[in-house]
Amino acid sequence: MLRSIAVAVLSLLAGSALAVDTTFLLINSTSSPISEMSISQSQLGMWSPNVLRPPVIKVGEARQVVIPASRLVCMVDIKLSFADGGAPAIWQYLDLCNLRKLQVFYDRYSGVTTAKYNE
């Protein structure tokens, strides 16, 4: 019994040791500074707390974004909020496990979001 408990504990420790934060470059090609970013498993709408650190990401700027391993699922939706107080925008079905670079575009008038990634 003691051996079973020890094996279970070691398995849990090994699993958490394998969990690694993911990092990608976010490029702001919208028309407004980005102040916050939240993630949710695709189509769930259960948004994480803000994962960006100040200052805002100005238009045309890029920043490395770190998603903690504890929040990592591969297929996510990303919600960005803007410093000017405009409505947030959502990009759907992004694969965080393979994402290295994400350039976001947002047409505030039509509400259309587009992105280029890993180019």
C-alpha atoms as a PDB file:
ATOM      1  CA  MET A   1       0.000   0.000   0.000  1.00  0.00           C
ATOM      2  CA  LEU A   2       2.801   2.395   0.897  1.00  0.00           C
ATOM      3  CA  ARG A   3       4.446   1.615  -2.434  1.00  0.00           C
ATOM      4  CA  SER A   4       1.199   2.478  -4.282  1.00  0.00           C
ATOM      5  CA  ILE A   5       0.981   5.830  -2.514  1.00  0.00           C
ATOM      6  CA  ALA A   6       4.621   6.598  -3.304  1.00  0.00           C
ATOM      7  CA  VAL A   7       4.100   5.756  -6.988  1.00  0.00           C
ATOM      8  CA  ALA A   8       0.994   7.961  -7.115  1.00  0.00           C
ATOM      9  CA  VAL A   9       2.829  10.902  -5.530  1.00  0.00           C
ATOM     10  CA  LEU A  10       5.794  10.528  -7.883  1.00  0.00           C
ATOM     11  CA  SER A  11       3.434  10.398 -10.868  1.00  0.00           C
ATOM     12  CA  LEU A  12       1.771  13.639  -9.793  1.00  0.00           C
ATOM     13  CA  LEU A  13       5.119  15.344  -9.262  1.00  0.00           C
ATOM     14  CA  ALA A  14       6.393  14.183 -12.635  1.00  0.00           C
ATOM     15  CA  GLY A  15       3.240  15.469 -14.344  1.00  0.00           C
ATOM     16  CA  SER A  16       3.551  18.902 -12.790  1.00  0.00           C
ATOM     17  CA  ALA A  17       7.251  19.019 -13.613  1.00  0.00           C
ATOM     18  CA  LEU A  18       6.348  18.455 -17.268  1.00  0.00           C
ATOM     19  CA  ALA A  19       3.920  21.369 -17.281  1.00  0.00           C
ATOM     20  CA  VAL A  20       5.636  24.299 -18.980  1.00  0.00           C
ATOM     21  CA  ASP A  21       4.529  27.888 -19.498  1.00  0.00           C
ATOM     22  CA  THR A  22       3.938  28.814 -23.114  1.00  0.00           C
ATOM     23  CA  THR A  23       5.228  32.041 -24.645  1.00  0.00           C
ATOM     24  CA  PHE A  24       4.327  33.790 -27.888  1.00  0.00           C
ATOM     25  CA  LEU A  25       4.846  37.181 -29.497  1.00  0.00           C
ATOM     26  CA  LEU A  26       1.654  39.297 -29.646  1.00  0.00           C
ATOM     27  CA  ILE A  27       1.703  42.034 -32.312  1.00  0.00           C
ATOM     28  CA  ASN A  28      -0.927  44.758 -32.013  1.00  0.00           C
ATOM     29  CA  SER A  29      -2.207  45.634 -35.491  1.00  0.00           C
ATOM     30  CA  THR A  30      -5.552  46.883 -34.185  1.00  0.00           C
ATOM     31  CA  SER A  31      -6.386  50.581 -34.056  1.00  0.00           C
ATOM     32  CA  SER A  32      -6.196  50.844 -30.241  1.00  0.00           C
ATOM     33  CA  PRO A  33      -3.714  50.070 -27.451  1.00  0.00           C
ATOM     34  CA  ILE A  34      -4.302  46.655 -25.841  1.00  0.00           C
ATOM     35  CA  SER A  35      -4.667  46.794 -22.065  1.00  0.00           C
ATOM     36  CA  GLU A  36      -5.807  43.277 -21.139  1.00  0.00           C
ATOM     37  CA  MET A  37      -5.814  39.743 -22.486  1.00  0.00           C
ATOM     38  CA  SER A  38      -7.851  36.812 -21.206  1.00  0.00           C
ATOM     39  CA  ILE A  39      -8.038  33.235 -22.459  1.00  0.00           C
ATOM     40  CA  SER A  40     -10.754  30.610 -22.374  1.00  0.00           C
ATOM     41  CA  GLN A  41     -10.930  27.075 -23.639  1.00  0.00           C
ATOM     42  CA  SER A  42     -12.562  27.446 -27.072  1.00  0.00           C
ATOM     43  CA  GLN A  43     -16.304  28.043 -26.988  1.00  0.00           C
ATOM     44  CA  LEU A  44     -16.593  27.972 -23.160  1.00  0.00           C
ATOM     45  CA  GLY A  45     -16.489  31.713 -22.487  1.00  0.00           C
ATOM     46  CA  MET A  46     -14.957  31.146 -19.038  1.00  0.00           C
ATOM     47  CA  TRP A  47     -12.315  33.870 -19.177  1.00  0.00           C
ATOM     48  CA  SER A  48      -9.086  33.820 -17.194  1.00  0.00           C
ATOM     49  CA  PRO A  49      -7.884  36.870 -15.304  1.00  0.00           C
ATOM     50  CA  ASN A  50      -5.781  39.326 -17.301  1.00  0.00           C
ATOM     51  CA  VAL A  51      -2.478  37.713 -18.382  1.00  0.00           C
ATOM     52  CA  LEU A  52      -0.821  40.931 -19.628  1.00  0.00           C
ATOM     53  CA  ARG A  53       1.436  43.070 -17.490  1.00  0.00           C
ATOM     54  CA  PRO A  54       1.525  46.874 -17.813  1.00  0.00           C
ATOM     55  CA  PRO A  55       2.165  48.960 -19.774  1.00  0.00           C
ATOM     56  CA  VAL A  56      -0.411  48.691 -22.573  1.00  0.00           C
ATOM     57  CA  ILE A  57       0.670  47.314 -25.948  1.00  0.00           C
ATOM     58  CA  LYS A  58       0.529  50.333 -28.248  1.00  0.00           C
ATOM     59  CA  VAL A  59      -0.596  50.137 -31.862  1.00  0.00           C
ATOM     60  CA  GLY A  60       2.230  48.617 -33.920  1.00  0.00           C
ATOM     61  CA  GLU A  61       4.081  47.293 -30.864  1.00  0.00           C
ATOM     62  CA  ALA A  62       4.804  43.680 -29.970  1.00  0.00           C
ATOM     63  CA  ARG A  63       5.267  41.933 -26.651  1.00  0.00           C
ATOM     64  CA  GLN A  64       6.095  38.451 -25.409  1.00  0.00           C
ATOM     65  CA  VAL A  65       3.058  36.992 -23.643  1.00  0.00           C
ATOM     66  CA  VAL A  66       3.469  34.197 -21.098  1.00  0.00           C
ATOM     67  CA  ILE A  67       0.571  31.848 -20.402  1.00  0.00           C
ATOM     68  CA  PRO A  68       1.146  29.965 -17.135  1.00  0.00           C
ATOM     69  CA  ALA A  69       1.112  26.190 -17.461  1.00  0.00           C
ATOM     70  CA  SER A  70      -1.721  26.073 -14.927  1.00  0.00           C
ATOM     71  CA  ARG A  71      -3.984  27.864 -17.444  1.00  0.00           C
ATOM     72  CA  LEU A  72      -2.774  26.100 -20.555  1.00  0.00           C
ATOM     73  CA  VAL A  73      -5.120  24.221 -22.825  1.00  0.00           C
ATOM     74  CA  CYS A  74      -4.269  23.989 -26.494  1.00  0.00           C
ATOM     75  CA  MET A  75      -7.406  25.243 -28.253  1.00  0.00           C
ATOM     76  CA  VAL A  76      -8.395  28.633 -26.870  1.00  0.00           C
ATOM     77  CA  ASP A  77     -10.268  31.806 -27.582  1.00  0.00           C
ATOM     78  CA  ILE A  78      -8.460  35.046 -26.758  1.00  0.00           C
ATOM     79  CA  LYS A  79     -10.253  38.177 -25.595  1.00  0.00           C
ATOM     80  CA  LEU A  80      -8.458  41.509 -25.825  1.00  0.00           C
ATOM     81  CA  SER A  81      -9.597  44.661 -24.044  1.00  0.00           C
ATOM     82  CA  PHE A  82      -8.521  48.102 -25.158  1.00  0.00           C
ATOM     83  CA  ALA A  83      -7.140  51.061 -23.223  1.00  0.00           C
ATOM     84  CA  ASP A  84      -9.654  53.440 -24.804  1.00  0.00           C
ATOM     85  CA  GLY A  85     -12.562  51.593 -23.176  1.00  0.00           C
ATOM     86  CA  GLY A  86     -13.985  50.256 -26.440  1.00  0.00           C
ATOM     87  CA  ALA A  87     -15.723  46.898 -26.581  1.00  0.00           C
ATOM     88  CA  PRO A  88     -13.403  43.882 -26.192  1.00  0.00           C
ATOM     89  CA  ALA A  89     -12.680  41.700 -29.223  1.00  0.00           C
ATOM     90  CA  ILE A  90     -12.427  37.901 -29.389  1.00  0.00           C
ATOM     91  CA  TRP A  91     -10.265  35.683 -31.591  1.00  0.00           C
ATOM     92  CA  GLN A  92     -11.448  32.051 -31.682  1.00  0.00           C
ATOM     93  CA  TYR A  93      -9.854  28.627 -32.105  1.00  0.00           C
ATOM     94  CA  LEU A  94      -6.189  29.465 -31.596  1.00  0.00           C
ATOM     95  CA  ASP A  95      -3.761  26.627 -30.852  1.00  0.00           C
ATOM     96  CA  LEU A  96      -1.624  27.896 -27.956  1.00  0.00           C
ATOM     97  CA  CYS A  97       0.434  24.715 -27.908  1.00  0.00           C
ATOM     98  CA  ASN A  98       1.897  25.573 -31.323  1.00  0.00           C
ATOM     99  CA  LEU A  99       1.582  29.365 -31.326  1.00  0.00           C
ATOM    100  CA  ARG A 100       4.840  31.347 -31.599  1.00  0.00           C
ATOM    101  CA  LYS A 101       3.696  34.651 -33.100  1.00  0.00           C
ATOM    102  CA  LEU A 102       0.213  36.195 -33.246  1.00  0.00           C
ATOM    103  CA  GLN A 103      -0.550  39.402 -35.129  1.00  0.00           C
ATOM    104  CA  VAL A 104      -4.079  40.628 -34.371  1.00  0.00           C
ATOM    105  CA  PHE A 105      -6.298  42.862 -36.505  1.00  0.00           C
ATOM    106  CA  TYR A 106      -9.684  44.270 -35.504  1.00  0.00           C
ATOM    107  CA  ASP A 107     -12.176  46.320 -37.495  1.00  0.00           C
ATOM    108  CA  ARG A 108     -14.126  48.002 -34.728  1.00  0.00           C
ATOM    109  CA  TYR A 109     -16.879  49.189 -37.100  1.00  0.00           C
ATOM    110  CA  SER A 110     -17.735  45.741 -38.483  1.00  0.00           C
ATOM    111  CA  GLY A 111     -16.649  43.786 -35.396  1.00  0.00           C
ATOM    112  CA  VAL A 112     -14.508  41.492 -37.560  1.00  0.00           C
ATOM    113  CA  THR A 113     -11.366  40.034 -35.986  1.00  0.00           C
ATOM    114  CA  THR A 114      -8.577  38.471 -38.042  1.00  0.00           C
ATOM    115  CA  ALA A 115      -5.091  37.244 -37.250  1.00  0.00           C
ATOM    116  CA  LYS A 116      -1.841  36.115 -38.809  1.00  0.00           C
ATOM    117  CA  TYR A 117       0.195  33.614 -36.867  1.00  0.00           C
ATOM    118  CA  ASN A 118       3.510  31.743 -36.979  1.00  0.00           C
ATOM    119  CA  GLU A 119       4.723  33.538 -40.109  1.00  0.00           C
END
